[in-house]
All heavy atoms as atom14 arrays in JSON, in Angstrom:
{
  "sequence": "GDCSEIERSRNDELLWLWNSSTALFPSAYLPLSLNENPNA",
  "atom14_mask": [
    [1, 1, 1, 1, 0, 0, 0, 0, 0, 0, 0, 0, 0, 0],
    [1, 1, 1, 1, 1, 1, 1, 1, 0, 0, 0, 0, 0, 0],
    [1, 1, 1, 1, 1, 1, 0, 0, 0, 0, 0, 0, 0, 0],
    [1, 1, 1, 1, 1, 1, 0, 0, 0, 0, 0, 0, 0, 0],
    [1, 1, 1, 1, 1, 1, 1, 1, 1, 0, 0, 0, 0, 0],
    [1, 1, 1, 1, 1, 1, 1, 1, 0, 0, 0, 0, 0, 0],
    [1, 1, 1, 1, 1, 1, 1, 1, 1, 0, 0, 0, 0, 0],
    [1, 1, 1, 1, 1, 1, 1, 1, 1, 1, 1, 0, 0, 0],
    [1, 1, 1, 1, 1, 1, 0, 0, 0, 0, 0, 0, 0, 0],
    [1, 1, 1, 1, 1, 1, 1, 1, 1, 1, 1, 0, 0, 0],
    [1, 1, 1, 1, 1, 1, 1, 1, 0, 0, 0, 0, 0, 0],
    [1, 1, 1, 1, 1, 1, 1, 1, 0, 0, 0, 0, 0, 0],
    [1, 1, 1, 1, 1, 1, 1, 1, 1, 0, 0, 0, 0, 0],
    [1, 1, 1, 1, 1, 1, 1, 1, 0, 0, 0, 0, 0, 0],
    [1, 1, 1, 1, 1, 1, 1, 1, 0, 0, 0, 0, 0, 0],
    [1, 1, 1, 1, 1, 1, 1, 1, 1, 1, 1, 1, 1, 1],
    [1, 1, 1, 1, 1, 1, 1, 1, 0, 0, 0, 0, 0, 0],
    [1, 1, 1, 1, 1, 1, 1, 1, 1, 1, 1, 1, 1, 1],
    [1, 1, 1, 1, 1, 1, 1, 1, 0, 0, 0, 0, 0, 0],
    [1, 1, 1, 1, 1, 1, 0, 0, 0, 0, 0, 0, 0, 0],
    [1, 1, 1, 1, 1, 1, 0, 0, 0, 0, 0, 0, 0, 0],
    [1, 1, 1, 1, 1, 1, 1, 0, 0, 0, 0, 0, 0, 0],
    [1, 1, 1, 1, 1, 0, 0, 0, 0, 0, 0, 0, 0, 0],
    [1, 1, 1, 1, 1, 1, 1, 1, 0, 0, 0, 0, 0, 0],
    [1, 1, 1, 1, 1, 1, 1, 1, 1, 1, 1, 0, 0, 0],
    [1, 1, 1, 1, 1, 1, 1, 0, 0, 0, 0, 0, 0, 0],
    [1, 1, 1, 1, 1, 1, 0, 0, 0, 0, 0, 0, 0, 0],
    [1, 1, 1, 1, 1, 0, 0, 0, 0, 0, 0, 0, 0, 0],
    [1, 1, 1, 1, 1, 1, 1, 1, 1, 1, 1, 1, 0, 0],
    [1, 1, 1, 1, 1, 1, 1, 1, 0, 0, 0, 0, 0, 0],
    [1, 1, 1, 1, 1, 1, 1, 0, 0, 0, 0, 0, 0, 0],
    [1, 1, 1, 1, 1, 1, 1, 1, 0, 0, 0, 0, 0, 0],
    [1, 1, 1, 1, 1, 1, 0, 0, 0, 0, 0, 0, 0, 0],
    [1, 1, 1, 1, 1, 1, 1, 1, 0, 0, 0, 0, 0, 0],
    [1, 1, 1, 1, 1, 1, 1, 1, 0, 0, 0, 0, 0, 0],
    [1, 1, 1, 1, 1, 1, 1, 1, 1, 0, 0, 0, 0, 0],
    [1, 1, 1, 1, 1, 1, 1, 1, 0, 0, 0, 0, 0, 0],
    [1, 1, 1, 1, 1, 1, 1, 0, 0, 0, 0, 0, 0, 0],
    [1, 1, 1, 1, 1, 1, 1, 1, 0, 0, 0, 0, 0, 0],
    [1, 1, 1, 1, 1, 0, 0, 0, 0, 0, 0, 0, 0, 0]
  ],
  "atom14_positions": [
    [[175.83, 115.0, 35.0], [175.96, 116.18, 34.14], [174.89, 116.29, 33.08], [174.81, 117.3, 32.37], [0.0, 0.0, 0.0], [0.0, 0.0, 0.0], [0.0, 0.0, 0.0], [0.0, 0.0, 0.0], [0.0, 0.0, 0.0], [0.0, 0.0, 0.0], [0.0, 0.0, 0.0], [0.0, 0.0, 0.0], [0.0, 0.0, 0.0], [0.0, 0.0, 0.0]],
    [[174.06, 115.27, 32.92], [173.05, 115.28, 31.87], [171.99, 116.35, 32.13], [171.63, 116.62, 33.27], [172.38, 113.92, 31.75], [173.29, 112.87, 31.14], [174.25, 113.27, 30.45], [173.05, 111.67, 31.34], [0.0, 0.0, 0.0], [0.0, 0.0, 0.0], [0.0, 0.0, 0.0], [0.0, 0.0, 0.0], [0.0, 0.0, 0.0], [0.0, 0.0, 0.0]],
    [[171.5, 116.91, 31.06], [170.4, 117.87, 31.13], [169.14, 117.11, 31.53], [168.82, 116.06, 30.97], [170.22, 118.52, 29.77], [169.04, 119.87, 29.72], [0.0, 0.0, 0.0], [0.0, 0.0, 0.0], [0.0, 0.0, 0.0], [0.0, 0.0, 0.0], [0.0, 0.0, 0.0], [0.0, 0.0, 0.0], [0.0, 0.0, 0.0], [0.0, 0.0, 0.0]],
    [[168.41, 117.62, 32.51], [167.22, 116.93, 32.99], [166.12, 116.94, 31.93], [166.12, 117.77, 31.01], [166.71, 117.59, 34.27], [166.2, 118.88, 33.99], [0.0, 0.0, 0.0], [0.0, 0.0, 0.0], [0.0, 0.0, 0.0], [0.0, 0.0, 0.0], [0.0, 0.0, 0.0], [0.0, 0.0, 0.0], [0.0, 0.0, 0.0], [0.0, 0.0, 0.0]],
    [[165.17, 116.05, 32.1], [164.07, 115.95, 31.14], [163.28, 117.24, 31.07], [162.88, 117.69, 29.99], [163.15, 114.79, 31.53], [162.02, 114.55, 30.53], [161.18, 113.34, 30.89], [161.62, 112.52, 31.72], [160.07, 113.22, 30.31], [0.0, 0.0, 0.0], [0.0, 0.0, 0.0], [0.0, 0.0, 0.0], [0.0, 0.0, 0.0], [0.0, 0.0, 0.0]],
    [[163.04, 117.88, 32.22], [162.25, 119.11, 32.21], [162.99, 120.24, 31.51], [162.38, 121.05, 30.77], [161.84, 119.53, 33.65], [160.84, 120.69, 33.58], [163.06, 119.92, 34.48], [160.22, 121.03, 34.92], [0.0, 0.0, 0.0], [0.0, 0.0, 0.0], [0.0, 0.0, 0.0], [0.0, 0.0, 0.0], [0.0, 0.0, 0.0], [0.0, 0.0, 0.0]],
    [[164.32, 120.3, 31.66], [165.07, 121.36, 30.99], [165.18, 121.09, 29.49], [165.17, 122.03, 28.68], [166.45, 121.53, 31.63], [166.42, 122.0, 33.08], [165.69, 123.32, 33.28], [165.48, 124.07, 32.3], [165.31, 123.61, 34.42], [0.0, 0.0, 0.0], [0.0, 0.0, 0.0], [0.0, 0.0, 0.0], [0.0, 0.0, 0.0], [0.0, 0.0, 0.0]],
    [[165.27, 119.83, 29.11], [165.26, 119.51, 27.68], [163.91, 119.91, 27.08], [163.84, 120.45, 25.96], [165.52, 118.02, 27.45], [166.96, 117.6, 27.7], [167.26, 116.25, 27.08], [166.39, 115.2, 27.59], [166.66, 114.45, 28.65], [167.8, 114.64, 29.32], [165.83, 113.51, 29.05], [0.0, 0.0, 0.0], [0.0, 0.0, 0.0], [0.0, 0.0, 0.0]],
    [[162.84, 119.63, 27.82], [161.51, 120.0, 27.34], [161.38, 121.51, 27.2], [160.78, 122.01, 26.22], [160.45, 119.46, 28.32], [159.16, 119.87, 27.94], [0.0, 0.0, 0.0], [0.0, 0.0, 0.0], [0.0, 0.0, 0.0], [0.0, 0.0, 0.0], [0.0, 0.0, 0.0], [0.0, 0.0, 0.0], [0.0, 0.0, 0.0], [0.0, 0.0, 0.0]],
    [[161.91, 122.24, 28.14], [161.86, 123.7, 28.06], [162.68, 124.22, 26.88], [162.29, 125.17, 26.2], [162.34, 124.32, 29.37], [161.32, 124.17, 30.5], [161.88, 124.59, 31.84], [160.86, 124.52, 32.89], [161.11, 124.62, 34.18], [162.36, 124.81, 34.62], [160.12, 124.54, 35.05], [0.0, 0.0, 0.0], [0.0, 0.0, 0.0], [0.0, 0.0, 0.0]],
    [[163.82, 123.59, 26.64], [164.61, 123.98, 25.47], [163.89, 123.66, 24.18], [164.02, 124.38, 23.18], [165.98, 123.28, 25.51], [166.93, 123.92, 26.51], [166.79, 125.09, 26.87], [167.9, 123.16, 26.99], [0.0, 0.0, 0.0], [0.0, 0.0, 0.0], [0.0, 0.0, 0.0], [0.0, 0.0, 0.0], [0.0, 0.0, 0.0], [0.0, 0.0, 0.0]],
    [[163.11, 122.6, 24.18], [162.3, 122.29, 23.0], [161.29, 123.4, 22.73], [160.95, 123.67, 21.57], [161.56, 120.96, 23.18], [162.49, 119.75, 23.16], [163.65, 119.91, 22.73], [162.05, 118.66, 23.58], [0.0, 0.0, 0.0], [0.0, 0.0, 0.0], [0.0, 0.0, 0.0], [0.0, 0.0, 0.0], [0.0, 0.0, 0.0], [0.0, 0.0, 0.0]],
    [[160.8, 124.04, 23.79], [159.85, 125.14, 23.63], [160.49, 126.34, 22.92], [159.78, 127.2, 22.37], [159.32, 125.6, 24.98], [158.4, 124.63, 25.68], [157.85, 125.22, 26.98], [157.31, 126.34, 26.93], [157.99, 124.57, 28.03], [0.0, 0.0, 0.0], [0.0, 0.0, 0.0], [0.0, 0.0, 0.0], [0.0, 0.0, 0.0], [0.0, 0.0, 0.0]],
    [[161.8, 126.39, 22.94], [162.52, 127.5, 22.31], [162.92, 127.18, 20.87], [163.88, 127.75, 20.34], [163.78, 127.84, 23.12], [163.53, 128.43, 24.51], [164.83, 128.54, 25.29], [162.86, 129.79, 24.41], [0.0, 0.0, 0.0], [0.0, 0.0, 0.0], [0.0, 0.0, 0.0], [0.0, 0.0, 0.0], [0.0, 0.0, 0.0], [0.0, 0.0, 0.0]],
    [[162.18, 126.29, 20.24], [162.49, 125.93, 18.85], [162.55, 127.16, 17.97], [163.38, 127.25, 17.05], [161.45, 124.94, 18.33], [161.63, 124.48, 16.87], [162.97, 123.79, 16.68], [160.47, 123.56, 16.45], [0.0, 0.0, 0.0], [0.0, 0.0, 0.0], [0.0, 0.0, 0.0], [0.0, 0.0, 0.0], [0.0, 0.0, 0.0], [0.0, 0.0, 0.0]],
    [[161.69, 128.15, 18.24], [161.71, 129.39, 17.45], [163.07, 130.07, 17.54], [163.52, 130.7, 16.57], [160.61, 130.34, 17.93], [160.67, 130.69, 19.39], [160.01, 130.08, 20.4], [161.45, 131.74, 19.99], [160.31, 130.67, 21.61], [161.19, 131.7, 21.38], [162.32, 132.71, 19.5], [161.78, 132.59, 22.28], [162.93, 133.59, 20.39], [162.66, 133.53, 21.76]],
    [[163.74, 129.95, 18.68], [165.04, 130.58, 18.85], [166.12, 129.82, 18.08], [166.99, 130.41, 17.44], [165.4, 130.67, 20.33], [166.73, 131.35, 20.67], [166.77, 132.76, 20.09], [166.93, 131.39, 22.17], [0.0, 0.0, 0.0], [0.0, 0.0, 0.0], [0.0, 0.0, 0.0], [0.0, 0.0, 0.0], [0.0, 0.0, 0.0], [0.0, 0.0, 0.0]],
    [[166.06, 128.48, 18.16], [167.04, 127.69, 17.41], [166.82, 127.85, 15.91], [167.78, 127.8, 15.13], [166.97, 126.22, 17.81], [166.73, 125.97, 19.27], [165.85, 125.1, 19.84], [167.39, 126.61, 20.39], [165.9, 125.16, 21.21], [166.83, 126.08, 21.58], [168.38, 127.58, 20.49], [167.24, 126.48, 22.84], [168.79, 128.0, 21.76], [168.23, 127.45, 22.91]],
    [[165.56, 128.03, 15.51], [165.27, 128.28, 14.1], [165.86, 129.6, 13.63], [166.29, 129.74, 12.48], [163.75, 128.29, 13.86], [163.21, 126.94, 13.44], [163.8, 126.27, 12.59], [162.1, 126.52, 14.02], [0.0, 0.0, 0.0], [0.0, 0.0, 0.0], [0.0, 0.0, 0.0], [0.0, 0.0, 0.0], [0.0, 0.0, 0.0], [0.0, 0.0, 0.0]],
    [[165.87, 130.58, 14.52], [166.31, 131.93, 14.16], [167.83, 132.08, 14.23], [168.4, 132.93, 13.52], [165.67, 132.95, 15.09], [164.27, 132.89, 15.03], [0.0, 0.0, 0.0], [0.0, 0.0, 0.0], [0.0, 0.0, 0.0], [0.0, 0.0, 0.0], [0.0, 0.0, 0.0], [0.0, 0.0, 0.0], [0.0, 0.0, 0.0], [0.0, 0.0, 0.0]],
    [[168.48, 131.31, 15.07], [169.92, 131.47, 15.31], [170.74, 130.79, 14.22], [170.34, 129.76, 13.68], [170.3, 130.89, 16.67], [169.55, 131.48, 17.72], [0.0, 0.0, 0.0], [0.0, 0.0, 0.0], [0.0, 0.0, 0.0], [0.0, 0.0, 0.0], [0.0, 0.0, 0.0], [0.0, 0.0, 0.0], [0.0, 0.0, 0.0], [0.0, 0.0, 0.0]],
    [[171.89, 131.35, 13.92], [172.82, 130.71, 12.99], [174.06, 130.19, 13.72], [174.98, 129.65, 13.1], [173.23, 131.66, 11.86], [173.65, 132.92, 12.4], [172.06, 131.9, 10.92], [0.0, 0.0, 0.0], [0.0, 0.0, 0.0], [0.0, 0.0, 0.0], [0.0, 0.0, 0.0], [0.0, 0.0, 0.0], [0.0, 0.0, 0.0], [0.0, 0.0, 0.0]],
    [[174.09, 130.36, 15.03], [175.13, 129.77, 15.88], [174.58, 129.69, 17.3], [173.68, 130.45, 17.66], [176.43, 130.58, 15.86], [0.0, 0.0, 0.0], [0.0, 0.0, 0.0], [0.0, 0.0, 0.0], [0.0, 0.0, 0.0], [0.0, 0.0, 0.0], [0.0, 0.0, 0.0], [0.0, 0.0, 0.0], [0.0, 0.0, 0.0], [0.0, 0.0, 0.0]],
    [[175.12, 128.77, 18.08], [174.72, 128.63, 19.48], [175.93, 128.9, 20.37], [177.04, 128.47, 20.07], [174.18, 127.22, 19.74], [172.98, 126.79, 18.89], [172.55, 125.37, 19.27], [171.82, 127.75, 19.04], [0.0, 0.0, 0.0], [0.0, 0.0, 0.0], [0.0, 0.0, 0.0], [0.0, 0.0, 0.0], [0.0, 0.0, 0.0], [0.0, 0.0, 0.0]],
    [[175.68, 129.6, 21.48], [176.77, 130.01, 22.36], [176.48, 129.62, 23.82], [176.27, 130.49, 24.68], [176.99, 131.52, 22.25], [177.4, 131.99, 20.89], [176.48, 132.6, 20.05], [178.69, 131.81, 20.44], [176.83, 133.03, 18.79], [179.08, 132.24, 19.17], [178.14, 132.86, 18.34], [0.0, 0.0, 0.0], [0.0, 0.0, 0.0], [0.0, 0.0, 0.0]],
    [[176.46, 128.33, 24.12], [176.27, 127.92, 25.52], [177.47, 128.3, 26.36], [178.58, 128.5, 25.83], [176.12, 126.4, 25.42], [176.94, 126.04, 24.2], [176.71, 127.18, 23.23], [0.0, 0.0, 0.0], [0.0, 0.0, 0.0], [0.0, 0.0, 0.0], [0.0, 0.0, 0.0], [0.0, 0.0, 0.0], [0.0, 0.0, 0.0], [0.0, 0.0, 0.0]],
    [[177.27, 128.39, 27.66], [178.35, 128.73, 28.58], [178.62, 127.55, 29.5], [177.7, 126.87, 29.94], [177.97, 129.95, 29.4], [178.95, 130.21, 30.39], [0.0, 0.0, 0.0], [0.0, 0.0, 0.0], [0.0, 0.0, 0.0], [0.0, 0.0, 0.0], [0.0, 0.0, 0.0], [0.0, 0.0, 0.0], [0.0, 0.0, 0.0], [0.0, 0.0, 0.0]],
    [[179.9, 127.31, 29.78], [180.27, 126.21, 30.68], [181.44, 126.64, 31.56], [182.43, 125.92, 31.72], [180.63, 124.96, 29.88], [0.0, 0.0, 0.0], [0.0, 0.0, 0.0], [0.0, 0.0, 0.0], [0.0, 0.0, 0.0], [0.0, 0.0, 0.0], [0.0, 0.0, 0.0], [0.0, 0.0, 0.0], [0.0, 0.0, 0.0], [0.0, 0.0, 0.0]],
    [[181.33, 127.83, 32.17], [182.37, 128.3, 33.07], [182.48, 127.36, 34.27], [181.47, 126.98, 34.88], [182.05, 129.7, 33.58], [181.96, 130.77, 32.51], [181.22, 131.93, 32.74], [182.59, 130.63, 31.28], [181.13, 132.93, 31.79], [182.51, 131.62, 30.32], [181.76, 132.77, 30.57], [181.67, 133.76, 29.62], [0.0, 0.0, 0.0], [0.0, 0.0, 0.0]],
    [[183.68, 127.0, 34.62], [183.89, 126.08, 35.73], [184.04, 126.85, 37.05], [184.78, 127.83, 37.13], [185.15, 125.25, 35.51], [185.15, 124.28, 34.32], [186.48, 123.53, 34.25], [183.99, 123.3, 34.42], [0.0, 0.0, 0.0], [0.0, 0.0, 0.0], [0.0, 0.0, 0.0], [0.0, 0.0, 0.0], [0.0, 0.0, 0.0], [0.0, 0.0, 0.0]],
    [[183.38, 126.39, 38.1], [183.58, 126.98, 39.43], [184.86, 126.43, 40.06], [185.33, 125.35, 39.67], [182.34, 126.53, 40.2], [182.02, 125.21, 39.6], [182.35, 125.33, 38.14], [0.0, 0.0, 0.0], [0.0, 0.0, 0.0], [0.0, 0.0, 0.0], [0.0, 0.0, 0.0], [0.0, 0.0, 0.0], [0.0, 0.0, 0.0], [0.0, 0.0, 0.0]],
    [[185.39, 127.14, 41.02], [186.61, 126.71, 41.67], [186.45, 125.36, 42.35], [187.4, 124.59, 42.48], [187.05, 127.77, 42.69], [188.41, 127.56, 43.37], [189.54, 127.5, 42.33], [188.67, 128.68, 44.37], [0.0, 0.0, 0.0], [0.0, 0.0, 0.0], [0.0, 0.0, 0.0], [0.0, 0.0, 0.0], [0.0, 0.0, 0.0], [0.0, 0.0, 0.0]],
    [[185.23, 125.03, 42.77], [185.0, 123.75, 43.43], [185.25, 122.56, 42.51], [185.41, 121.43, 42.98], [183.56, 123.68, 43.98], [182.62, 123.78, 42.93], [0.0, 0.0, 0.0], [0.0, 0.0, 0.0], [0.0, 0.0, 0.0], [0.0, 0.0, 0.0], [0.0, 0.0, 0.0], [0.0, 0.0, 0.0], [0.0, 0.0, 0.0], [0.0, 0.0, 0.0]],
    [[185.3, 122.79, 41.2], [185.58, 121.7, 40.25], [187.04, 121.68, 39.81], [187.39, 120.97, 38.87], [184.66, 121.82, 39.03], [183.19, 121.47, 39.26], [182.39, 121.6, 37.97], [183.05, 120.06, 39.82], [0.0, 0.0, 0.0], [0.0, 0.0, 0.0], [0.0, 0.0, 0.0], [0.0, 0.0, 0.0], [0.0, 0.0, 0.0], [0.0, 0.0, 0.0]],
    [[187.87, 122.42, 40.5], [189.31, 122.4, 40.21], [189.86, 120.99, 40.37], [189.71, 120.38, 41.43], [190.02, 123.37, 41.17], [191.49, 123.49, 40.88], [192.0, 122.95, 39.9], [192.19, 124.21, 41.75], [0.0, 0.0, 0.0], [0.0, 0.0, 0.0], [0.0, 0.0, 0.0], [0.0, 0.0, 0.0], [0.0, 0.0, 0.0], [0.0, 0.0, 0.0]],
    [[190.45, 120.45, 39.3], [191.03, 119.1, 39.31], [190.0, 118.03, 39.67], [190.34, 116.99, 40.22], [192.21, 119.03, 40.3], [193.37, 119.96, 39.96], [194.26, 119.43, 38.84], [194.16, 118.23, 38.53], [195.06, 120.21, 38.29], [0.0, 0.0, 0.0], [0.0, 0.0, 0.0], [0.0, 0.0, 0.0], [0.0, 0.0, 0.0], [0.0, 0.0, 0.0]],
    [[188.75, 118.27, 39.33], [187.66, 117.36, 39.68], [187.1, 116.73, 38.4], [186.73, 117.45, 37.48], [186.56, 118.14, 40.41], [185.48, 117.25, 40.99], [185.14, 116.21, 40.43], [184.94, 117.66, 42.13], [0.0, 0.0, 0.0], [0.0, 0.0, 0.0], [0.0, 0.0, 0.0], [0.0, 0.0, 0.0], [0.0, 0.0, 0.0], [0.0, 0.0, 0.0]],
    [[187.02, 115.4, 38.34], [186.46, 114.75, 37.14], [185.05, 115.19, 36.79], [184.64, 115.09, 35.63], [186.5, 113.25, 37.51], [187.57, 113.15, 38.55], [187.5, 114.42, 39.33], [0.0, 0.0, 0.0], [0.0, 0.0, 0.0], [0.0, 0.0, 0.0], [0.0, 0.0, 0.0], [0.0, 0.0, 0.0], [0.0, 0.0, 0.0], [0.0, 0.0, 0.0]],
    [[184.29, 115.66, 37.78], [182.93, 116.12, 37.5], [182.91, 117.34, 36.59], [181.86, 117.67, 36.0], [182.18, 116.43, 38.79], [181.62, 115.17, 39.43], [181.74, 114.07, 38.89], [180.99, 115.33, 40.59], [0.0, 0.0, 0.0], [0.0, 0.0, 0.0], [0.0, 0.0, 0.0], [0.0, 0.0, 0.0], [0.0, 0.0, 0.0], [0.0, 0.0, 0.0]],
    [[184.05, 118.02, 36.46], [184.12, 119.15, 35.53], [183.82, 118.69, 34.11], [183.11, 119.36, 33.35], [185.5, 119.81, 35.6], [0.0, 0.0, 0.0], [0.0, 0.0, 0.0], [0.0, 0.0, 0.0], [0.0, 0.0, 0.0], [0.0, 0.0, 0.0], [0.0, 0.0, 0.0], [0.0, 0.0, 0.0], [0.0, 0.0, 0.0], [0.0, 0.0, 0.0]]
  ]
}
């Protein structure tokens, strides 16, 4: 479930966005395939 190194690096490029935001709204909708699954 960890964020990959390349995606963390890309998120680092968005520092201007984190600087501008006063809240963060990530999404973590679960697919049906993770029903009763520890990987959720």
